[in-house]
Amino acid sequence: MTTLFLAKLACDLLPLRIIPSVIFSIICYTMTGFQPIFSKFFIFLLTIFMANVFGSAMCFFIAASLPVFGIKQIFFSFQKGKFRSFF
């Protein structure tokens, strides 16, 4: 394992992806009245977690592929506005 992978795992994945996904899933799953079965809750949690990871990966991809900071900022603001219209 490389040091970069361990640092990303410790500083990005656990505190920024897993913990908020678990807290959000517990609150939303109980508020919406879904079936209180652990396997169904786990599927819900996995869906929320994967959406969170996908959004992060998309932002990392855009940031890595565009060379100019101003263009990155335009793409990120467009991306936020596009997803904000769905929710």
Protein backbone atom coordinates (compact mmCIF):
# COMPACT_ATOMS: atom_id res chain seq x y z
CA MET A 1 0.00 0.00 0.00
CA THR A 2 1.23 3.41 -0.83
CA THR A 3 1.28 6.34 1.54
CA LEU A 4 -1.07 8.31 -0.70
CA PHE A 5 -3.68 5.55 -0.55
CA LEU A 6 -3.49 5.34 3.23
CA ALA A 7 -3.72 9.13 3.59
CA LYS A 8 -6.73 9.26 1.26
CA LEU A 9 -8.37 6.45 3.16
CA ALA A 10 -7.78 8.07 6.55
CA CYS A 11 -8.53 11.69 5.63
CA ASP A 12 -11.10 11.46 2.85
CA LEU A 13 -13.02 8.23 2.85
CA LEU A 14 -13.75 7.72 6.54
CA PRO A 15 -14.56 11.21 7.87
CA LEU A 16 -16.00 12.74 4.68
CA ARG A 17 -17.80 9.82 3.02
CA ILE A 18 -18.68 7.03 5.47
CA ILE A 19 -19.66 8.91 8.65
CA PRO A 20 -21.98 11.48 6.96
CA SER A 21 -23.55 8.73 4.83
CA VAL A 22 -24.30 6.61 7.90
CA ILE A 23 -25.77 9.54 9.86
CA PHE A 24 -27.86 10.69 6.89
CA SER A 25 -29.08 7.16 6.19
CA ILE A 26 -30.11 6.51 9.78
CA ILE A 27 -32.08 9.75 9.97
CA CYS A 28 -33.74 9.48 6.56
CA TYR A 29 -34.47 5.76 6.74
CA THR A 30 -36.28 6.07 10.06
CA MET A 31 -38.12 9.28 9.07
CA THR A 32 -39.49 7.85 5.83
CA GLY A 33 -40.81 4.72 7.51
CA PHE A 34 -39.11 2.13 5.37
CA GLN A 35 -39.11 -1.50 6.45
CA PRO A 36 -37.04 -1.97 9.64
CA ILE A 37 -34.97 -4.80 8.17
CA PHE A 38 -31.18 -4.55 8.35
CA SER A 39 -30.58 -5.92 4.85
CA LYS A 40 -32.88 -3.29 3.31
CA PHE A 41 -31.25 -0.55 5.39
CA PHE A 42 -27.82 -1.73 4.25
CA ILE A 43 -28.89 -1.47 0.60
CA PHE A 44 -30.17 2.06 1.27
CA LEU A 45 -26.91 2.97 3.03
CA LEU A 46 -24.83 1.50 0.21
CA THR A 47 -26.80 3.50 -2.36
CA ILE A 48 -26.29 6.76 -0.44
CA PHE A 49 -22.59 5.99 0.07
CA MET A 50 -21.98 5.16 -3.59
CA ALA A 51 -23.75 8.37 -4.72
CA ASN A 52 -21.49 10.30 -2.36
CA VAL A 53 -18.34 8.60 -3.68
CA PHE A 54 -19.45 9.11 -7.29
CA GLY A 55 -19.97 12.84 -6.76
CA SER A 56 -16.55 13.13 -5.18
CA ALA A 57 -14.90 11.15 -7.97
CA MET A 58 -16.56 13.31 -10.61
CA CYS A 59 -15.21 16.47 -8.96
CA PHE A 60 -11.73 14.96 -8.67
CA PHE A 61 -11.86 14.00 -12.35
CA ILE A 62 -12.86 17.50 -13.45
CA ALA A 63 -10.20 19.08 -11.23
CA ALA A 64 -7.50 16.77 -12.58
CA SER A 65 -8.44 17.10 -16.24
CA LEU A 66 -8.76 20.89 -16.56
CA PRO A 67 -5.56 22.94 -16.41
CA VAL A 68 -6.99 26.40 -15.64
CA PHE A 69 -8.55 27.19 -12.25
CA GLY A 70 -11.20 29.54 -13.69
CA ILE A 71 -12.54 26.84 -15.99
CA LYS A 72 -12.68 24.39 -13.08
CA GLN A 73 -14.71 26.86 -11.07
CA ILE A 74 -17.22 27.27 -13.92
CA PHE A 75 -17.64 23.50 -14.26
CA PHE A 76 -18.10 23.00 -10.52
CA SER A 77 -20.72 25.74 -10.30
CA PHE A 78 -22.54 24.24 -13.29
CA GLN A 79 -22.40 20.79 -11.75
CA LYS A 80 -23.85 22.03 -8.46
CA GLY A 81 -26.65 23.86 -10.26
CA LYS A 82 -27.45 20.84 -12.41
CA PHE A 83 -27.82 18.51 -9.43
CA ARG A 84 -29.57 21.12 -7.31
CA SER A 85 -32.46 21.19 -9.80
CA PHE A 86 -33.20 17.52 -9.12
CA PHE A 87 -33.46 17.87 -5.34
